[in-house]
C-alpha cells in the first residue's frame, strides 16, 4: 500500500511538472514566433526610424512606420484609465471588506464579478452610443470618440480586477492586527489607513498592475471609442483628441495586409513592443510585491 501510494504521488508530481513545462514551452514558442516576424522588418526598415518615428502611414510611398503615435496613444488612454480606476477600485475594496455589512458585501461581490464577465465589445458599444455622444455634448467637442472616452471605458473594465484582488488582499489581513490597533486606542479609520492598508499593500499593488495590464492590452473597446487617429496627442489637451492605440492598430490592419509584407512585419513589431511593455508591468508588480512583503516581514 505504501509503495502504491508513493507511486501515485510520483505520477501526480510528474504530470504537474510536465504540464508546467508545457506551459513554459508554449510561451517560449509564442515569443519566438512574435519576435522572429518582428525582427524581419528591420532587415529592410530602420529600427531607429521605427522607434522614434512620429508618423504611421503604412500605405504611403514610401511607407512610414513610426511607433511614437501608437505608443503615446496607448500610454495616454491607459494612464487616464488608471487615474480613474485605482482610487475607485481601492476605496470600493475598503468599503466591501472593512465597512459594508455582510449582507451588502455579499450583494456587491457577485455584482462586481458579473462586470468582469461582460464582453469587451459590449463595453465598446455602450461607449460608442452612450458615453461618446454625452462627452461630445458636455465638453463641446467635434467628436466624442476621444482618448477620454477610451479611458473611462477601460477604467470600468479594470475595476473588477482591482476591486476583487484588493478586497482579497485586505480581507486576508489577520483580525488580530486590527484588534491590536483598536486596543491601542486607534479609531476604525486610523486602523484602516495606517495598519490594514500598509499590510495589504503588496496585494493592492499587484491588483493595480494587473488592472493596468488589462487596460493596456484591451483591443475592441478602444478601437470603437477612441477615434483611431494615428497622430501624436498633445499634452494635456490630447485627452480630448482622437488617438490610436497599438492594440487597435494591430486589430484594424492585420486582416488587410499581405502575409510576409513589410507592413505585416511592422504590425508584429508593434505587437512585440506591446508584449515587452506588458512583461515589464508584470515584472514591476512582482518586484513591488516582494519589496513590501519583505518590509512587512522584517517589521
C-alpha atoms as a PDB file:
ATOM      1  CA  UNK A   1       0.000   0.000   0.000  1.00  0.00           C
ATOM      2  CA  UNK A   2       2.807   2.388   0.892  1.00  0.00           C
ATOM      3  CA  UNK A   3       4.588   1.653  -2.393  1.00  0.00           C
ATOM      4  CA  UNK A   4       1.367   2.135  -4.340  1.00  0.00           C
ATOM      5  CA  UNK A   5       0.687   5.474  -2.639  1.00  0.00           C
ATOM      6  CA  UNK A   6       4.230   6.716  -3.319  1.00  0.00           C
ATOM      7  CA  UNK A   7       3.955   5.606  -6.943  1.00  0.00           C
ATOM      8  CA  UNK A   8       0.715   7.539  -7.299  1.00  0.00           C
ATOM      9  CA  UNK A   9       2.295  10.654  -5.740  1.00  0.00           C
ATOM     10  CA  UNK A  10       5.273  10.418  -8.102  1.00  0.00           C
ATOM     11  CA  UNK A  11       2.891  10.119 -11.045  1.00  0.00           C
ATOM     12  CA  UNK A  12       0.970  13.201  -9.950  1.00  0.00           C
ATOM     13  CA  UNK A  13       4.212  15.164  -9.440  1.00  0.00           C
ATOM     14  CA  UNK A  14       5.491  14.155 -12.884  1.00  0.00           C
ATOM     15  CA  UNK A  15       2.170  15.114 -14.501  1.00  0.00           C
ATOM     16  CA  UNK A  16       2.171  18.540 -12.866  1.00  0.00           C
ATOM     17  CA  UNK A  17       5.808  19.063 -13.818  1.00  0.00           C
ATOM     18  CA  UNK A  18       5.193  18.292 -17.482  1.00  0.00           C
ATOM     19  CA  UNK A  19       2.056  20.437 -17.592  1.00  0.00           C
ATOM     20  CA  UNK A  20       4.020  23.360 -16.122  1.00  0.00           C
ATOM     21  CA  UNK A  21       6.899  22.716 -18.522  1.00  0.00           C
ATOM     22  CA  UNK A  22       4.485  22.584 -21.463  1.00  0.00           C
ATOM     23  CA  UNK A  23       3.110  25.996 -20.489  1.00  0.00           C
ATOM     24  CA  UNK A  24       6.621  27.473 -20.456  1.00  0.00           C
ATOM     25  CA  UNK A  25       7.475  25.840 -23.791  1.00  0.00           C
ATOM     26  CA  UNK A  26       4.309  27.244 -25.394  1.00  0.00           C
ATOM     27  CA  UNK A  27       5.154  30.726 -24.077  1.00  0.00           C
ATOM     28  CA  UNK A  28       8.696  30.465 -25.456  1.00  0.00           C
ATOM     29  CA  UNK A  29       7.381  29.373 -28.858  1.00  0.00           C
ATOM     30  CA  UNK A  30       4.949  32.305 -28.924  1.00  0.00           C
ATOM     31  CA  UNK A  31       7.815  34.688 -28.136  1.00  0.00           C
ATOM     32  CA  UNK A  32       9.994  33.175 -30.863  1.00  0.00           C
ATOM     33  CA  UNK A  33       7.162  33.425 -33.389  1.00  0.00           C
ATOM     34  CA  UNK A  34       6.395  37.019 -32.414  1.00  0.00           C
ATOM     35  CA  UNK A  35       9.961  38.331 -32.355  1.00  0.00           C
ATOM     36  CA  UNK A  36      11.016  36.401 -35.475  1.00  0.00           C
ATOM     37  CA  UNK A  37       8.466  38.193 -37.641  1.00  0.00           C
ATOM     38  CA  UNK A  38       9.090  41.488 -35.872  1.00  0.00           C
ATOM     39  CA  UNK A  39      12.855  41.409 -36.457  1.00  0.00           C
ATOM     40  CA  UNK A  40      12.306  40.703 -40.156  1.00  0.00           C
ATOM     41  CA  UNK A  41      11.069  44.280 -40.531  1.00  0.00           C
ATOM     42  CA  UNK A  42      14.457  45.709 -39.614  1.00  0.00           C
ATOM     43  CA  UNK A  43      16.206  43.990 -42.484  1.00  0.00           C
ATOM     44  CA  UNK A  44      14.502  46.487 -44.816  1.00  0.00           C
ATOM     45  CA  UNK A  45      13.451  49.248 -42.430  1.00  0.00           C
ATOM     46  CA  UNK A  46      15.488  51.271 -39.958  1.00  0.00           C
ATOM     47  CA  UNK A  47      14.993  50.272 -36.317  1.00  0.00           C
ATOM     48  CA  UNK A  48      15.743  53.839 -35.218  1.00  0.00           C
ATOM     49  CA  UNK A  49      13.104  55.326 -37.511  1.00  0.00           C
ATOM     50  CA  UNK A  50      10.586  52.775 -36.215  1.00  0.00           C
ATOM     51  CA  UNK A  51      11.041  53.530 -32.516  1.00  0.00           C
ATOM     52  CA  UNK A  52      11.404  57.307 -32.969  1.00  0.00           C
ATOM     53  CA  UNK A  53       9.159  57.938 -35.975  1.00  0.00           C
ATOM     54  CA  UNK A  54       6.233  60.318 -35.482  1.00  0.00           C
ATOM     55  CA  UNK A  55       4.195  59.183 -38.492  1.00  0.00           C
ATOM     56  CA  UNK A  56       2.301  55.938 -39.059  1.00  0.00           C
ATOM     57  CA  UNK A  57       1.392  55.864 -42.767  1.00  0.00           C
ATOM     58  CA  UNK A  58       1.843  52.248 -43.910  1.00  0.00           C
ATOM     59  CA  UNK A  59       0.167  52.892 -47.276  1.00  0.00           C
ATOM     60  CA  UNK A  60       2.298  55.921 -48.188  1.00  0.00           C
ATOM     61  CA  UNK A  61       5.051  55.797 -50.789  1.00  0.00           C
ATOM     62  CA  UNK A  62       7.468  55.154 -49.198  1.00  0.00           C
ATOM     63  CA  UNK A  63       5.596  53.690 -46.178  1.00  0.00           C
ATOM     64  CA  UNK A  64       6.198  55.259 -42.788  1.00  0.00           C
ATOM     65  CA  UNK A  65       6.185  53.059 -39.699  1.00  0.00           C
ATOM     66  CA  UNK A  66       6.572  55.373 -36.719  1.00  0.00           C
ATOM     67  CA  UNK A  67       5.751  53.846 -33.341  1.00  0.00           C
ATOM     68  CA  UNK A  68       5.506  57.073 -31.322  1.00  0.00           C
ATOM     69  CA  UNK A  69       1.842  57.999 -32.138  1.00  0.00           C
ATOM     70  CA  UNK A  70       0.645  54.493 -31.291  1.00  0.00           C
ATOM     71  CA  UNK A  71       2.783  54.242 -28.154  1.00  0.00           C
ATOM     72  CA  UNK A  72       1.699  57.630 -26.800  1.00  0.00           C
ATOM     73  CA  UNK A  73      -1.925  56.868 -27.633  1.00  0.00           C
ATOM     74  CA  UNK A  74      -1.750  53.627 -25.628  1.00  0.00           C
ATOM     75  CA  UNK A  75       0.042  55.297 -22.720  1.00  0.00           C
ATOM     76  CA  UNK A  76      -2.401  58.229 -22.615  1.00  0.00           C
ATOM     77  CA  UNK A  77      -5.523  56.061 -22.636  1.00  0.00           C
ATOM     78  CA  UNK A  78      -4.075  53.632 -20.092  1.00  0.00           C
ATOM     79  CA  UNK A  79      -2.858  56.399 -17.789  1.00  0.00           C
ATOM     80  CA  UNK A  80      -6.300  58.025 -17.836  1.00  0.00           C
ATOM     81  CA  UNK A  81      -7.933  54.681 -17.075  1.00  0.00           C
ATOM     82  CA  UNK A  82      -5.610  54.030 -14.127  1.00  0.00           C
ATOM     83  CA  UNK A  83      -6.196  57.532 -12.712  1.00  0.00           C
ATOM     84  CA  UNK A  84      -9.921  56.783 -12.658  1.00  0.00           C
ATOM     85  CA  UNK A  85      -9.969  53.113 -11.707  1.00  0.00           C
ATOM     86  CA  UNK A  86      -7.328  52.961  -8.960  1.00  0.00           C
ATOM     87  CA  UNK A  87      -8.966  55.407  -6.476  1.00  0.00           C
ATOM     88  CA  UNK A  88     -12.435  53.984  -7.162  1.00  0.00           C
ATOM     89  CA  UNK A  89     -11.224  50.393  -7.027  1.00  0.00           C
ATOM     90  CA  UNK A  90      -9.252  50.661  -3.797  1.00  0.00           C
ATOM     91  CA  UNK A  91     -11.932  52.650  -1.965  1.00  0.00           C
ATOM     92  CA  UNK A  92     -14.574  50.163  -3.122  1.00  0.00           C
ATOM     93  CA  UNK A  93     -12.431  47.271  -1.873  1.00  0.00           C
ATOM     94  CA  UNK A  94     -12.014  49.021   1.503  1.00  0.00           C
ATOM     95  CA  UNK A  95     -15.762  49.562   1.755  1.00  0.00           C
ATOM     96  CA  UNK A  96     -16.637  45.951   0.894  1.00  0.00           C
ATOM     97  CA  UNK A  97     -14.005  44.454   3.190  1.00  0.00           C
ATOM     98  CA  UNK A  98     -13.990  46.804   6.176  1.00  0.00           C
ATOM     99  CA  UNK A  99     -17.165  48.892   6.286  1.00  0.00           C
ATOM    100  CA  UNK A 100     -20.078  47.237   4.499  1.00  0.00           C
ATOM    101  CA  UNK A 101     -22.330  44.828   6.352  1.00  0.00           C
ATOM    102  CA  UNK A 102     -22.046  41.137   5.378  1.00  0.00           C
ATOM    103  CA  UNK A 103     -25.391  41.399   3.573  1.00  0.00           C
ATOM    104  CA  UNK A 104     -24.285  44.364   1.457  1.00  0.00           C
ATOM    105  CA  UNK A 105     -20.871  42.816   0.778  1.00  0.00           C
ATOM    106  CA  UNK A 106     -22.461  39.529  -0.339  1.00  0.00           C
ATOM    107  CA  UNK A 107     -24.541  41.538  -2.838  1.00  0.00           C
ATOM    108  CA  UNK A 108     -21.730  43.716  -4.177  1.00  0.00           C
ATOM    109  CA  UNK A 109     -19.114  41.000  -4.740  1.00  0.00           C
ATOM    110  CA  UNK A 110     -21.169  38.935  -7.242  1.00  0.00           C
ATOM    111  CA  UNK A 111     -22.201  42.154  -8.990  1.00  0.00           C
ATOM    112  CA  UNK A 112     -18.550  43.128  -9.472  1.00  0.00           C
ATOM    113  CA  UNK A 113     -17.730  39.657 -10.772  1.00  0.00           C
ATOM    114  CA  UNK A 114     -20.552  39.998 -13.318  1.00  0.00           C
ATOM    115  CA  UNK A 115     -18.907  43.209 -14.594  1.00  0.00           C
ATOM    116  CA  UNK A 116     -15.725  41.218 -15.246  1.00  0.00           C
ATOM    117  CA  UNK A 117     -17.653  38.761 -17.431  1.00  0.00           C
ATOM    118  CA  UNK A 118     -19.203  41.313 -19.785  1.00  0.00           C
ATOM    119  CA  UNK A 119     -17.625  41.065 -23.280  1.00  0.00           C
ATOM    120  CA  UNK A 120     -15.416  43.979 -24.270  1.00  0.00           C
ATOM    121  CA  UNK A 121     -17.473  44.584 -27.419  1.00  0.00           C
ATOM    122  CA  UNK A 122     -20.476  45.359 -25.184  1.00  0.00           C
ATOM    123  CA  UNK A 123     -18.448  47.948 -23.298  1.00  0.00           C
ATOM    124  CA  UNK A 124     -17.290  49.361 -26.612  1.00  0.00           C
ATOM    125  CA  UNK A 125     -20.827  49.565 -27.952  1.00  0.00           C
ATOM    126  CA  UNK A 126     -22.024  51.306 -24.785  1.00  0.00           C
ATOM    127  CA  UNK A 127     -19.156  53.789 -25.011  1.00  0.00           C
ATOM    128  CA  UNK A 128     -19.877  54.435 -28.677  1.00  0.00           C
ATOM    129  CA  UNK A 129     -23.631  55.051 -28.436  1.00  0.00           C
ATOM    130  CA  UNK A 130     -23.952  56.483 -24.913  1.00  0.00           C
ATOM    131  CA  UNK A 131     -20.719  57.872 -23.465  1.00  0.00           C
ATOM    132  CA  UNK A 132     -19.171  59.325 -26.635  1.00  0.00           C
ATOM    133  CA  UNK A 133     -22.226  61.472 -27.580  1.00  0.00           C
ATOM    134  CA  UNK A 134     -22.553  62.613 -23.966  1.00  0.00           C
ATOM    135  CA  UNK A 135     -18.910  63.731 -23.738  1.00  0.00           C
ATOM    136  CA  UNK A 136     -19.182  65.395 -27.154  1.00  0.00           C
ATOM    137  CA  UNK A 137     -22.148  67.448 -25.956  1.00  0.00           C
ATOM    138  CA  UNK A 138     -20.843  68.109 -22.440  1.00  0.00           C
ATOM    139  CA  UNK A 139     -17.325  69.173 -23.489  1.00  0.00           C
ATOM    140  CA  UNK A 140     -18.400  70.769 -26.801  1.00  0.00           C
ATOM    141  CA  UNK A 141     -16.154  68.531 -28.901  1.00  0.00           C
ATOM    142  CA  UNK A 142     -16.227  67.871 -32.620  1.00  0.00           C
ATOM    143  CA  UNK A 143     -16.430  64.142 -31.851  1.00  0.00           C
ATOM    144  CA  UNK A 144     -16.923  62.076 -28.737  1.00  0.00           C
ATOM    145  CA  UNK A 145     -14.552  59.353 -29.905  1.00  0.00           C
ATOM    146  CA  UNK A 146     -11.539  60.618 -27.993  1.00  0.00           C
ATOM    147  CA  UNK A 147      -8.942  59.324 -25.535  1.00  0.00           C
ATOM    148  CA  UNK A 148     -11.101  60.313 -22.555  1.00  0.00           C
ATOM    149  CA  UNK A 149     -13.911  58.051 -23.723  1.00  0.00           C
ATOM    150  CA  UNK A 150     -11.483  55.166 -24.017  1.00  0.00           C
ATOM    151  CA  UNK A 151     -10.025  55.909 -20.575  1.00  0.00           C
ATOM    152  CA  UNK A 152     -13.432  55.901 -18.906  1.00  0.00           C
ATOM    153  CA  UNK A 153     -14.458  52.631 -20.531  1.00  0.00           C
ATOM    154  CA  UNK A 154     -11.125  50.967 -19.745  1.00  0.00           C
ATOM    155  CA  UNK A 155     -11.410  52.174 -16.145  1.00  0.00           C
ATOM    156  CA  UNK A 156     -14.785  50.451 -15.846  1.00  0.00           C
ATOM    157  CA  UNK A 157     -13.290  47.280 -17.339  1.00  0.00           C
ATOM    158  CA  UNK A 158     -10.301  47.352 -14.978  1.00  0.00           C
ATOM    159  CA  UNK A 159     -12.396  47.961 -11.856  1.00  0.00           C
ATOM    160  CA  UNK A 160     -13.470  44.331 -11.268  1.00  0.00           C
ATOM    161  CA  UNK A 161      -9.836  43.161 -11.323  1.00  0.00           C
ATOM    162  CA  UNK A 162      -8.636  45.908  -8.990  1.00  0.00           C
ATOM    163  CA  UNK A 163     -11.574  45.584  -6.579  1.00  0.00           C
ATOM    164  CA  UNK A 164     -11.538  41.781  -6.372  1.00  0.00           C
ATOM    165  CA  UNK A 165      -7.798  41.368  -5.810  1.00  0.00           C
ATOM    166  CA  UNK A 166      -7.561  44.358  -3.448  1.00  0.00           C
ATOM    167  CA  UNK A 167     -10.526  43.105  -1.438  1.00  0.00           C
ATOM    168  CA  UNK A 168      -8.957  39.657  -1.148  1.00  0.00           C
ATOM    169  CA  UNK A 169      -5.674  41.225  -0.008  1.00  0.00           C
ATOM    170  CA  UNK A 170      -7.397  43.361   2.622  1.00  0.00           C
ATOM    171  CA  UNK A 171      -9.589  40.511   3.862  1.00  0.00           C
ATOM    172  CA  UNK A 172      -6.558  38.241   4.246  1.00  0.00           C
ATOM    173  CA  UNK A 173      -5.058  40.508   6.930  1.00  0.00           C
ATOM    174  CA  UNK A 174      -5.432  38.693  10.285  1.00  0.00           C
ATOM    175  CA  UNK A 175      -8.096  40.129  12.568  1.00  0.00           C
ATOM    176  CA  UNK A 176      -5.556  40.180  15.421  1.00  0.00           C
ATOM    177  CA  UNK A 177      -3.762  43.074  13.685  1.00  0.00           C
ATOM    178  CA  UNK A 178      -6.973  45.107  13.596  1.00  0.00           C
ATOM    179  CA  UNK A 179      -7.813  44.221  17.177  1.00  0.00           C
ATOM    180  CA  UNK A 180      -4.338  45.217  18.339  1.00  0.00           C
ATOM    181  CA  UNK A 181      -4.664  48.604  16.646  1.00  0.00           C
ATOM    182  CA  UNK A 182      -8.089  49.220  18.155  1.00  0.00           C
ATOM    183  CA  UNK A 183      -6.829  48.136  21.578  1.00  0.00           C
ATOM    184  CA  UNK A 184      -4.102  50.798  21.331  1.00  0.00           C
ATOM    185  CA  UNK A 185      -6.809  53.444  21.013  1.00  0.00           C
ATOM    186  CA  UNK A 186      -6.854  53.911  17.228  1.00  0.00           C
ATOM    187  CA  UNK A 187     -10.172  54.642  15.550  1.00  0.00           C
ATOM    188  CA  UNK A 188     -11.588  52.397  12.840  1.00  0.00           C
ATOM    189  CA  UNK A 189     -10.439  54.794  10.097  1.00  0.00           C
ATOM    190  CA  UNK A 190      -6.941  55.066  11.591  1.00  0.00           C
ATOM    191  CA  UNK A 191      -6.748  51.279  11.705  1.00  0.00           C
ATOM    192  CA  UNK A 192      -7.749  51.037   8.063  1.00  0.00           C
ATOM    193  CA  UNK A 193      -5.304  53.515   6.545  1.00  0.00           C
ATOM    194  CA  UNK A 194      -2.403  53.156   8.996  1.00  0.00           C
ATOM    195  CA  UNK A 195      -2.466  49.410   9.662  1.00  0.00           C
ATOM    196  CA  UNK A 196      -4.640  47.424   7.264  1.00  0.00           C
ATOM    197  CA  UNK A 197      -3.704  49.180   4.012  1.00  0.00           C
ATOM    198  CA  UNK A 198       0.080  49.057   4.580  1.00  0.00           C
ATOM    199  CA  UNK A 199      -0.207  45.375   5.472  1.00  0.00           C
ATOM    200  CA  UNK A 200      -2.176  44.686   2.288  1.00  0.00           C
ATOM    201  CA  UNK A 201      -0.034  46.915   0.085  1.00  0.00           C
ATOM    202  CA  UNK A 202       1.639  44.070  -1.807  1.00  0.00           C
ATOM    203  CA  UNK A 203      -1.725  42.641  -2.878  1.00  0.00           C
ATOM    204  CA  UNK A 204      -3.108  46.067  -3.723  1.00  0.00           C
ATOM    205  CA  UNK A 205      -0.081  46.930  -5.859  1.00  0.00           C
ATOM    206  CA  UNK A 206      -0.469  43.630  -7.698  1.00  0.00           C
ATOM    207  CA  UNK A 207      -4.134  44.483  -8.299  1.00  0.00           C
ATOM    208  CA  UNK A 208      -3.200  47.861  -9.745  1.00  0.00           C
ATOM    209  CA  UNK A 209      -0.589  46.338 -12.049  1.00  0.00           C
ATOM    210  CA  UNK A 210      -2.987  43.660 -13.258  1.00  0.00           C
ATOM    211  CA  UNK A 211      -5.610  46.326 -13.879  1.00  0.00           C
ATOM    212  CA  UNK A 212      -3.044  48.302 -15.852  1.00  0.00           C
ATOM    213  CA  UNK A 213      -2.214  45.194 -17.860  1.00  0.00           C
ATOM    214  CA  UNK A 214      -5.902  44.689 -18.599  1.00  0.00           C
ATOM    215  CA  UNK A 215      -6.211  48.293 -19.772  1.00  0.00           C
ATOM    216  CA  UNK A 216      -3.117  48.408 -21.968  1.00  0.00           C
ATOM    217  CA  UNK A 217      -3.929  45.093 -23.622  1.00  0.00           C
ATOM    218  CA  UNK A 218      -7.579  45.829 -24.409  1.00  0.00           C
ATOM    219  CA  UNK A 219      -8.436  45.963 -28.105  1.00  0.00           C
ATOM    220  CA  UNK A 220     -12.092  46.038 -29.086  1.00  0.00           C
ATOM    221  CA  UNK A 221     -13.254  48.780 -26.730  1.00  0.00           C
ATOM    222  CA  UNK A 222     -10.512  51.284 -27.583  1.00  0.00           C
ATOM    223  CA  UNK A 223     -10.886  50.506 -31.270  1.00  0.00           C
ATOM    224  CA  UNK A 224     -14.562  51.501 -31.096  1.00  0.00           C
ATOM    225  CA  UNK A 225     -14.381  54.654 -28.963  1.00  0.00           C
ATOM    226  CA  UNK A 226     -11.011  56.433 -29.383  1.00  0.00           C
ATOM    227  CA  UNK A 227     -11.335  57.617 -32.999  1.00  0.00           C
ATOM    228  CA  UNK A 228      -8.271  55.715 -34.298  1.00  0.00           C
ATOM    229  CA  UNK A 229      -6.341  58.793 -35.430  1.00  0.00           C
ATOM    230  CA  UNK A 230      -2.644  57.866 -35.673  1.00  0.00           C
ATOM    231  CA  UNK A 231      -1.334  61.248 -34.520  1.00  0.00           C
ATOM    232  CA  UNK A 232       0.817  62.309 -31.590  1.00  0.00           C
ATOM    233  CA  UNK A 233      -1.582  63.556 -28.893  1.00  0.00           C
ATOM    234  CA  UNK A 234      -0.937  66.920 -27.307  1.00  0.00           C
ATOM    235  CA  UNK A 235      -0.435  67.318 -23.576  1.00  0.00           C
ATOM    236  CA  UNK A 236      -2.784  67.781 -21.775  1.00  0.00           C
ATOM    237  CA  UNK A 237      -5.340  68.530 -24.494  1.00  0.00           C
ATOM    238  CA  UNK A 238      -4.692  65.132 -26.039  1.00  0.00           C
ATOM    239  CA  UNK A 239      -7.134  63.562 -23.587  1.00  0.00           C
ATOM    240  CA  UNK A 240      -9.998  65.103 -25.610  1.00  0.00           C
ATOM    241  CA  UNK A 241      -8.474  64.287 -29.012  1.00  0.00           C
ATOM    242  CA  UNK A 242      -8.784  61.171 -31.136  1.00  0.00           C
ATOM    243  CA  UNK A 243      -5.896  58.741 -30.707  1.00  0.00           C
ATOM    244  CA  UNK A 244      -4.931  55.270 -31.865  1.00  0.00           C
ATOM    245  CA  UNK A 245      -3.523  52.583 -29.609  1.00  0.00           C
ATOM    246  CA  UNK A 246      -1.136  49.787 -30.502  1.00  0.00           C
ATOM    247  CA  UNK A 247      -3.767  47.104 -29.945  1.00  0.00           C
ATOM    248  CA  UNK A 248      -6.307  48.875 -32.149  1.00  0.00           C
ATOM    249  CA  UNK A 249      -3.718  49.278 -34.913  1.00  0.00           C
ATOM    250  CA  UNK A 250      -2.988  45.555 -34.966  1.00  0.00           C
ATOM    251  CA  UNK A 251      -6.695  44.663 -34.961  1.00  0.00           C
ATOM    252  CA  UNK A 252      -7.590  47.167 -37.692  1.00  0.00           C
ATOM    253  CA  UNK A 253      -4.754  46.438 -40.104  1.00  0.00           C
ATOM    254  CA  UNK A 254      -3.733  42.810 -39.640  1.00  0.00           C
ATOM    255  CA  UNK A 255      -6.669  41.452 -41.636  1.00  0.00           C
ATOM    256  CA  UNK A 256      -5.879  43.620 -44.654  1.00  0.00           C
ATOM    257  CA  UNK A 257      -2.124  43.233 -45.121  1.00  0.00           C
ATOM    258  CA  UNK A 258      -0.467  40.587 -47.333  1.00  0.00           C
ATOM    259  CA  UNK A 259       1.285  37.931 -45.282  1.00  0.00           C
ATOM    260  CA  UNK A 260       5.051  38.429 -45.360  1.00  0.00           C
ATOM    261  CA  UNK A 261       4.886  42.067 -46.464  1.00  0.00           C
ATOM    262  CA  UNK A 262       6.782  44.855 -44.729  1.00  0.00           C
ATOM    263  CA  UNK A 263       3.524  46.186 -43.276  1.00  0.00           C
ATOM    264  CA  UNK A 264       2.786  42.702 -41.920  1.00  0.00           C
ATOM    265  CA  UNK A 265       6.125  42.567 -40.112  1.00  0.00           C
ATOM    266  CA  UNK A 266       5.652  46.132 -38.834  1.00  0.00           C
ATOM    267  CA  UNK A 267       2.469  45.031 -37.061  1.00  0.00           C
ATOM    268  CA  UNK A 268       4.395  42.178 -35.459  1.00  0.00           C
ATOM    269  CA  UNK A 269       6.965  44.736 -34.315  1.00  0.00           C
ATOM    270  CA  UNK A 270       4.171  46.755 -32.688  1.00  0.00           C
ATOM    271  CA  UNK A 271       2.951  43.576 -31.014  1.00  0.00           C
ATOM    272  CA  UNK A 272       6.459  42.872 -29.740  1.00  0.00           C
ATOM    273  CA  UNK A 273       6.637  46.301 -28.111  1.00  0.00           C
ATOM    274  CA  UNK A 274       3.249  45.664 -26.514  1.00  0.00           C
ATOM    275  CA  UNK A 275       4.480  42.300 -25.244  1.00  0.00           C
ATOM    276  CA  UNK A 276       7.592  43.883 -23.720  1.00  0.00           C
ATOM    277  CA  UNK A 277       5.519  46.589 -22.020  1.00  0.00           C
ATOM    278  CA  UNK A 278       3.181  44.000 -20.514  1.00  0.00           C
ATOM    279  CA  UNK A 279       6.142  41.925 -19.357  1.00  0.00           C
ATOM    280  CA  UNK A 280       7.724  44.949 -17.667  1.00  0.00           C
ATOM    281  CA  UNK A 281       4.449  45.800 -15.925  1.00  0.00           C
ATOM    282  CA  UNK A 282       4.183  42.273 -14.543  1.00  0.00           C
ATOM    283  CA  UNK A 283       7.846  42.355 -13.537  1.00  0.00           C
ATOM    284  CA  UNK A 284       7.314  45.648 -11.702  1.00  0.00           C
ATOM    285  CA  UNK A 285       4.301  44.170  -9.919  1.00  0.00           C
ATOM    286  CA  UNK A 286       6.375  41.200  -8.781  1.00  0.00           C
ATOM    287  CA  UNK A 287       9.218  43.442  -7.549  1.00  0.00           C
ATOM    288  CA  UNK A 288       6.829  45.705  -5.631  1.00  0.00           C
ATOM    289  CA  UNK A 289       5.063  42.721  -4.127  1.00  0.00           C
ATOM    290  CA  UNK A 290       8.318  41.177  -2.901  1.00  0.00           C
ATOM    291  CA  UNK A 291       9.648  44.513  -1.643  1.00  0.00           C
ATOM    292  CA  UNK A 292       6.673  45.320   0.567  1.00  0.00           C
ATOM    293  CA  UNK A 293       6.329  41.717   1.712  1.00  0.00           C
ATOM    294  CA  UNK A 294       9.978  41.850   2.843  1.00  0.00           C
ATOM    295  CA  UNK A 295       9.373  45.108   4.710  1.00  0.00           C
ATOM    296  CA  UNK A 296       6.306  43.739   6.462  1.00  0.00           C
ATOM    297  CA  UNK A 297       8.046  40.500   7.453  1.00  0.00           C
ATOM    298  CA  UNK A 298      11.072  42.454   8.646  1.00  0.00           C
ATOM    299  CA  UNK A 299       8.953  44.734  10.790  1.00  0.00           C
END
